[in-house]
Protein backbone atom coordinates (compact mmCIF):
# COMPACT_ATOMS: atom_id res chain seq x y z
CA MET A 1 0.06 -0.06 0.07
CA ILE A 2 1.41 3.29 -0.96
CA LYS A 3 1.51 6.14 2.08
CA LYS A 4 2.01 9.68 1.69
CA GLY A 5 5.61 10.55 1.68
CA ASP A 6 6.62 6.99 0.21
CA VAL A 7 9.65 7.29 -2.09
CA LEU A 8 8.75 5.67 -5.34
CA PHE A 9 10.47 4.78 -8.39
CA ILE A 10 8.43 5.68 -11.31
CA ASP A 11 8.27 5.63 -14.98
CA LEU A 12 7.19 8.79 -16.47
CA PRO A 13 6.12 8.45 -20.29
CA ALA A 14 7.20 11.09 -22.68
CA PRO A 15 4.38 13.56 -23.70
CA ILE A 16 2.48 12.98 -26.85
CA GLY A 17 3.64 15.43 -29.49
CA GLY A 18 7.27 15.19 -28.48
CA PRO A 19 9.22 16.41 -25.41
CA GLY A 20 8.18 19.46 -23.44
CA ARG A 21 9.12 20.65 -20.03
CA GLU A 22 7.56 17.88 -18.21
CA GLN A 23 9.88 15.26 -16.36
CA ILE A 24 10.00 11.72 -18.11
CA GLY A 25 11.86 8.45 -17.57
CA ARG A 26 12.36 6.33 -14.79
CA ARG A 27 13.04 8.38 -11.59
CA PRO A 28 12.20 8.82 -8.00
CA ALA A 29 9.27 10.56 -6.91
CA VAL A 30 7.29 11.14 -3.77
CA ALA A 31 3.59 9.92 -3.23
CA ILE A 32 1.76 12.96 -1.55
CA GLN A 33 -1.48 11.04 -1.66
CA ASP A 34 -1.95 7.93 -0.09
CA GLU A 35 -3.93 4.73 -1.41
CA SER A 36 -6.75 5.05 1.23
CA ALA A 37 -8.77 6.99 -1.54
CA GLN A 38 -8.98 3.70 -3.64
CA LEU A 39 -8.18 5.64 -6.72
CA PRO A 40 -6.49 4.14 -9.74
CA THR A 41 -4.25 7.01 -9.67
CA ILE A 42 -1.60 8.63 -7.42
CA VAL A 43 -0.42 12.14 -6.89
CA ILE A 44 3.36 12.54 -6.97
CA VAL A 45 5.96 15.03 -6.94
CA PRO A 46 9.16 13.84 -9.09
CA PHE A 47 12.97 14.21 -8.29
CA THR A 48 15.81 15.05 -10.34
CA SER A 49 19.66 14.49 -9.84
CA GLN A 50 20.21 17.70 -11.65
CA LEU A 51 21.03 20.16 -8.89
CA GLY A 52 20.64 22.92 -11.24
CA GLY A 53 16.79 22.34 -10.87
CA LEU A 54 17.26 24.45 -7.53
CA ARG A 55 17.11 27.51 -9.69
CA PHE A 56 13.47 27.19 -10.12
CA PRO A 57 10.82 28.25 -7.39
CA PHE A 58 8.95 25.65 -5.53
CA THR A 59 11.99 23.26 -5.36
CA PHE A 60 14.18 21.89 -2.56
CA ARG A 61 17.51 19.66 -2.19
CA VAL A 62 17.16 16.26 -0.49
CA GLU A 63 19.99 14.35 0.60
CA PRO A 64 20.19 10.59 0.13
CA THR A 65 19.74 8.54 3.31
CA SER A 66 19.01 4.84 4.13
CA ALA A 67 15.42 5.74 5.07
CA ASN A 68 14.45 7.49 1.79
CA GLY A 69 16.36 5.12 -0.62
CA LEU A 70 18.02 8.08 -2.87
CA THR A 71 21.55 7.38 -4.25
CA TYR A 72 22.25 10.98 -5.17
CA PRO A 73 21.51 14.45 -3.70
CA SER A 74 18.41 15.42 -5.45
CA VAL A 75 15.88 18.11 -6.05
CA LEU A 76 12.13 17.83 -5.51
CA LEU A 77 10.38 19.61 -8.21
CA VAL A 78 7.19 20.54 -6.51
CA PHE A 79 6.08 22.66 -9.22
CA GLN A 80 6.08 19.55 -11.45
CA LEU A 81 3.28 17.89 -9.13
CA GLN A 82 1.12 15.45 -11.20
CA VAL A 83 -1.33 12.90 -11.26
CA LEU A 84 0.04 9.38 -12.41
CA ASP A 85 -1.62 6.04 -13.16
CA LYS A 86 -0.45 3.54 -10.32
CA ARG A 87 0.53 1.04 -12.95
CA ARG A 88 3.49 3.51 -13.59
CA VAL A 89 4.95 2.79 -10.17
CA VAL A 90 7.75 0.59 -10.62
CA ASN A 91 8.44 -0.08 -6.79
CA SER A 92 8.84 1.75 -3.32
CA ILE A 93 12.48 2.48 -2.42
CA GLY A 94 11.92 4.43 0.91
CA GLN A 95 10.17 6.97 2.89
CA LEU A 96 10.95 10.77 3.06
CA GLU A 97 11.95 12.05 6.46
CA ALA A 98 9.70 14.00 8.68
CA GLY A 99 11.38 17.33 8.09
CA ASP A 100 11.63 16.83 4.23
CA LEU A 101 8.06 15.88 4.32
CA SER A 102 7.08 18.89 6.10
CA GLN A 103 8.97 21.13 3.86
CA LEU A 104 7.17 19.53 0.97
CA ASP A 105 3.82 20.15 2.38
CA ALA A 106 4.91 23.86 2.93
CA GLU A 107 6.00 24.13 -0.61
CA ILE A 108 2.88 22.74 -2.06
CA ARG A 109 0.78 25.21 -0.09
CA ARG A 110 2.92 28.14 -0.85
CA MET A 111 2.88 27.13 -4.70
CA LEU A 112 -0.93 26.72 -4.77
CA LYS A 113 -1.46 29.76 -2.43
CA LEU A 114 -3.41 27.45 0.19
């Protein structure tokens, strides 16, 4: 069962019509919705290992730990928040630490002006 804060390895397809500014390919992402809603989709925020992504608003750096399962310092791209079919989830690799999850929640609220 997927829980909020799970770090998932996902497969993001290339958009129809060719590449755009969306994240694509196999990469880690954080689930921000759990499966208790019993939907065929999950809301995620993808990571990138390209630290240059920090130049964009609504991003922050997450260091790899044994808990989160990341292998590189990574940037959480909150502005790339998206809905994904659960069939795109390859596997779960860890759990975001409480401090990073709190920062993610704050960035989502700030971005959506909630």
